[in-house]
Structure formats: structure tokens, C-alpha cells
């Protein structure tokens, strides 16, 4: 999974030709750690359809505040430079995958 920062967000996400799923997370967040392995697996399985990336909200506070992230984990799918879908909270892998497939 790609690490995205406030500085690389525009180039890596908003200008991406493929949909990008951003996982807004933090080191101290238990549910964030719960879903990380599932997101890693999905990245491996669906890597040709969607880019899966992470933004650490503690290290990069500008991007989450710009998109109204209030709780973590917050997952956002961006298509054509725009937020297309959002989920807050941890989900099992099969639910994550269904949501991603329906959103891209």
C-alpha cells in the first residue's frame, strides 16, 4: 500500500487515472490496525482496478480536515479527482471488497 502525504495527495490521488481508495488512519487507532491486513490483501487482488493508499492523519493533518474526516478509520474512494464514496469504521474484508467494487 502506498503512503500518501499532504504534499503528494494532489499528484497521487486527484490526478490519478485509476480510482484511489484512501485509508485515513493513525498509529494509535485500534480499528485502523484491524482493517490494515484486509486492505493489504485487497490491494494485492484488485491492484489493477484501484490504488489503495494510506494517509496518516497525525503526520498529515491538512488533507483529512479538507475532506471532513472526523473519525478513523475513514475510507474514501476518489474517482476523476473527486470523492466518490466514503465509509467510516472497520469492516470485514468481504464487506470492504463489496463496497469498493460497487464504488469503482
Protein backbone atom coordinates (compact mmCIF):
# COMPACT_ATOMS: atom_id res chain seq x y z
CA UNK A 1 0.00 0.00 0.00
CA UNK A 2 1.15 3.47 -0.88
CA UNK A 3 1.81 6.11 1.79
CA UNK A 4 0.33 9.46 0.77
CA UNK A 5 1.22 12.78 2.40
CA UNK A 6 -0.33 16.24 2.29
CA UNK A 7 2.39 17.12 -0.24
CA UNK A 8 1.79 14.15 -2.57
CA UNK A 9 -2.03 13.97 -2.31
CA UNK A 10 -2.82 16.07 -5.40
CA UNK A 11 -0.41 14.23 -7.68
CA UNK A 12 -1.02 10.71 -6.36
CA UNK A 13 -4.79 10.87 -5.78
CA UNK A 14 -6.52 13.75 -7.51
CA UNK A 15 -4.56 13.33 -10.76
CA UNK A 16 -4.69 9.52 -10.78
CA UNK A 17 -6.12 7.87 -13.91
CA UNK A 18 -7.47 4.99 -11.81
CA UNK A 19 -9.74 5.16 -8.73
CA UNK A 20 -7.87 5.57 -5.45
CA UNK A 21 -9.03 4.32 -2.05
CA UNK A 22 -7.55 6.37 0.78
CA UNK A 23 -7.39 4.90 4.28
CA UNK A 24 -7.20 7.80 6.75
CA UNK A 25 -5.58 6.21 9.82
CA UNK A 26 -3.37 6.78 12.86
CA UNK A 27 -0.80 4.70 14.75
CA UNK A 28 -2.89 4.73 17.94
CA UNK A 29 -6.15 3.61 16.26
CA UNK A 30 -7.13 0.01 17.06
CA UNK A 31 -9.79 -0.40 14.31
CA UNK A 32 -7.30 1.04 11.79
CA UNK A 33 -4.90 -1.78 12.65
CA UNK A 34 -7.76 -4.31 12.36
CA UNK A 35 -8.57 -3.44 8.75
CA UNK A 36 -4.98 -2.94 7.56
CA UNK A 37 -4.38 -6.65 6.68
CA UNK A 38 -7.67 -6.81 4.73
CA UNK A 39 -6.75 -3.67 2.79
CA UNK A 40 -3.31 -5.15 2.03
CA UNK A 41 -4.98 -8.30 0.63
CA UNK A 42 -7.47 -6.28 -1.41
CA UNK A 43 -4.60 -4.15 -2.77
CA UNK A 44 -2.95 -7.35 -3.99
CA UNK A 45 -6.16 -8.74 -5.50
CA UNK A 46 -7.61 -5.56 -7.05
CA UNK A 47 -4.42 -3.58 -7.73
CA UNK A 48 -5.17 -3.28 -11.45
CA UNK A 49 -8.62 -1.71 -10.78
CA UNK A 50 -7.96 0.55 -7.80
CA UNK A 51 -4.96 2.03 -5.99
CA UNK A 52 -5.11 1.55 -2.23
CA UNK A 53 -3.20 4.11 -0.20
CA UNK A 54 -2.93 5.41 3.37
CA UNK A 55 -2.79 8.87 4.90
CA UNK A 56 -1.52 9.11 8.49
CA UNK A 57 -3.74 11.85 9.96
CA UNK A 58 -1.24 12.75 12.69
CA UNK A 59 1.59 13.37 10.22
CA UNK A 60 -0.64 14.92 7.53
CA UNK A 61 -3.42 17.00 9.15
CA UNK A 62 -4.32 19.17 6.13
CA UNK A 63 -5.83 16.53 3.84
CA UNK A 64 -8.21 14.91 6.38
CA UNK A 65 -9.50 18.30 7.51
CA UNK A 66 -10.04 19.35 3.88
CA UNK A 67 -12.28 16.31 3.33
CA UNK A 68 -14.11 16.47 6.66
CA UNK A 69 -12.58 13.36 8.24
CA UNK A 70 -13.82 13.27 11.84
CA UNK A 71 -13.42 9.63 12.86
CA UNK A 72 -10.96 6.97 11.85
CA UNK A 73 -10.61 4.73 10.06
CA UNK A 74 -12.27 6.72 7.29
CA UNK A 75 -12.05 5.19 3.84
CA UNK A 76 -12.64 7.41 0.82
CA UNK A 77 -12.69 6.47 -2.83
CA UNK A 78 -11.62 9.18 -5.26
CA UNK A 79 -12.50 9.00 -8.95
CA UNK A 80 -11.53 11.63 -11.51
CA UNK A 81 -10.16 13.88 -8.76
CA UNK A 82 -13.39 13.85 -6.74
CA UNK A 83 -14.53 11.96 -3.62
CA UNK A 84 -16.93 9.27 -4.91
CA UNK A 85 -17.67 7.22 -1.77
CA UNK A 86 -16.89 7.21 1.95
CA UNK A 87 -17.09 4.70 4.81
CA UNK A 88 -16.24 5.30 8.45
CA UNK A 89 -15.23 2.47 10.77
CA UNK A 90 -13.81 -1.02 10.45
CA UNK A 91 -15.49 -3.58 8.19
CA UNK A 92 -14.68 -7.23 7.48
CA UNK A 93 -12.74 -7.89 4.27
CA UNK A 94 -15.73 -9.18 2.30
CA UNK A 95 -17.77 -6.04 3.13
CA UNK A 96 -14.82 -3.79 2.23
CA UNK A 97 -14.43 -5.57 -1.08
CA UNK A 98 -18.18 -5.33 -1.89
CA UNK A 99 -18.14 -1.60 -1.09
CA UNK A 100 -15.04 -0.98 -3.23
CA UNK A 101 -16.45 -2.97 -6.18
CA UNK A 102 -19.77 -1.10 -6.03
CA UNK A 103 -18.00 2.27 -5.79
CA UNK A 104 -15.47 1.96 -8.61
